[in-house]
Protein backbone atom coordinates (compact mmCIF):
# COMPACT_ATOMS: atom_id res chain seq x y z
CA UNK A 1 110.92 107.72 83.36
CA UNK A 2 111.63 106.08 86.73
CA UNK A 3 114.99 106.85 88.28
CA UNK A 4 117.44 104.25 89.50
CA UNK A 5 116.37 104.76 93.12
CA UNK A 6 112.69 104.40 92.14
CA UNK A 7 113.43 101.06 90.50
CA UNK A 8 115.44 99.93 93.51
CA UNK A 9 112.63 101.06 95.84
CA UNK A 10 110.14 98.87 93.99
CA UNK A 11 112.51 95.91 93.79
CA UNK A 12 113.34 96.04 97.51
CA UNK A 13 109.67 96.45 98.43
CA UNK A 14 108.77 93.30 96.51
CA UNK A 15 111.65 91.20 97.84
CA UNK A 16 111.44 92.35 101.48
CA UNK A 17 107.68 91.71 101.45
CA UNK A 18 108.31 88.20 100.14
CA UNK A 19 111.00 87.49 102.75
CA UNK A 20 108.79 88.70 105.61
CA UNK A 21 105.77 86.77 104.38
CA UNK A 22 107.38 83.46 103.41
CA UNK A 23 110.79 83.15 105.08
CA UNK A 24 110.57 84.66 108.56
CA UNK A 25 109.05 82.37 111.17
CA UNK A 26 108.83 84.81 114.05
CA UNK A 27 105.25 84.86 115.40
CA UNK A 28 105.80 88.32 116.91
CA UNK A 29 105.89 89.84 113.44
CA UNK A 30 102.27 88.83 112.94
CA UNK A 31 100.55 90.25 109.89
CA UNK A 32 102.99 92.84 108.54
CA UNK A 33 102.76 94.67 105.24
CA UNK A 34 105.62 96.60 103.67
CA UNK A 35 103.95 99.75 102.41
CA UNK A 36 106.93 101.69 101.09
CA UNK A 37 110.70 101.53 100.69
CA UNK A 38 112.74 104.67 100.26
CA UNK A 39 116.40 104.31 99.27
CA UNK A 40 118.83 107.17 99.87
CA UNK A 41 120.35 108.82 96.78
CA UNK A 42 123.75 107.22 97.51
CA UNK A 43 122.03 103.78 97.74
CA UNK A 44 123.60 103.08 101.15
CA UNK A 45 120.44 103.30 103.27
CA UNK A 46 116.83 102.25 102.87
CA UNK A 47 113.85 103.16 105.03
CA UNK A 48 111.33 100.33 105.08
CA UNK A 49 107.83 101.44 106.13
CA UNK A 50 105.82 98.58 107.60
CA UNK A 51 102.21 98.50 108.79
CA UNK A 52 101.02 95.93 111.31
CA UNK A 53 97.59 94.58 112.01
CA UNK A 54 96.86 94.81 115.72
CA UNK A 55 97.24 96.94 118.81
CA UNK A 56 100.14 99.17 119.83
CA UNK A 57 102.12 96.52 121.70
CA UNK A 58 101.79 94.13 118.74
CA UNK A 59 103.21 96.80 116.44
CA UNK A 60 106.11 97.41 118.84
CA UNK A 61 106.83 93.68 119.14
CA UNK A 62 106.61 93.24 115.37
CA UNK A 63 108.98 96.13 114.75
CA UNK A 64 111.46 94.73 117.30
CA UNK A 65 111.28 91.31 115.61
CA UNK A 66 111.97 92.88 112.20
CA UNK A 67 114.91 94.80 113.58
CA UNK A 68 116.32 91.57 115.04
CA UNK A 69 115.83 89.88 111.64
CA UNK A 70 117.56 92.65 109.69
CA UNK A 71 120.76 90.62 109.18
CA UNK A 72 118.84 87.65 107.82
CA UNK A 73 116.77 89.89 105.52
CA UNK A 74 119.92 91.56 104.15
CA UNK A 75 121.54 88.15 103.58
CA UNK A 76 118.46 86.95 101.70
CA UNK A 77 118.40 90.14 99.63
CA UNK A 78 122.04 89.64 98.66
CA UNK A 79 121.23 86.08 97.55
CA UNK A 80 118.21 87.15 95.50
CA UNK A 81 119.44 90.41 93.98
CA UNK A 82 122.47 91.13 91.88
CA UNK A 83 123.51 94.31 93.66
CA UNK A 84 127.02 95.39 94.50
CA UNK A 85 125.93 96.45 97.98
CA UNK A 86 122.70 95.89 99.90
CA UNK A 87 121.53 99.10 101.60
CA UNK A 88 121.37 99.23 105.39
CA UNK A 89 117.71 98.73 106.35
CA UNK A 90 115.82 100.86 108.84
CA UNK A 91 112.34 99.63 109.74
CA UNK A 92 109.71 102.26 110.53
CA UNK A 93 106.08 101.74 111.55
CA UNK A 94 103.73 103.17 108.93
CA UNK A 95 100.73 104.42 110.82
CA UNK A 96 99.10 106.24 107.91
CA UNK A 97 96.17 103.77 107.86
CA UNK A 98 95.50 104.42 111.55
CA UNK A 99 95.59 108.17 110.93
CA UNK A 100 93.23 107.85 107.97
CA UNK A 101 90.79 105.77 110.05
CA UNK A 102 90.91 108.36 112.83
CA UNK A 103 90.21 111.21 110.39
CA UNK A 104 87.32 109.26 108.86
CA UNK A 105 85.93 108.65 112.34
CA UNK A 106 86.10 112.38 113.12
CA UNK A 107 84.35 113.23 109.85
CA UNK A 108 81.59 110.74 110.58
CA UNK A 109 81.13 112.22 114.08
CA UNK A 110 80.67 115.71 112.63
CA UNK A 111 78.10 114.41 110.14
CA UNK A 112 75.96 112.85 112.89
CA UNK A 113 76.27 115.87 115.20
């Protein structure tokens, strides 16, 4: 049975993804995907893992744009969700796809060698 934080993780992931995709008009964000949200046990903080399509500087610019938009995102969350308190959001680049691609590349190199 999912815990309260698990349910909140899923709810925040869905809503933050929607806000980023449809409401933010900052071109620096580019193509961003929220891959995971992890809320602290006391529900005061949430880590939002985001992956970006593009090169390193595009990821950095996108992350900076999200951090600047944090107040707007929290305001939108409070309008959409019936929560007593919206957790403080911390945006983190999720580079697991890049790592997986690198590992796959290394495996393919060893197969051809």
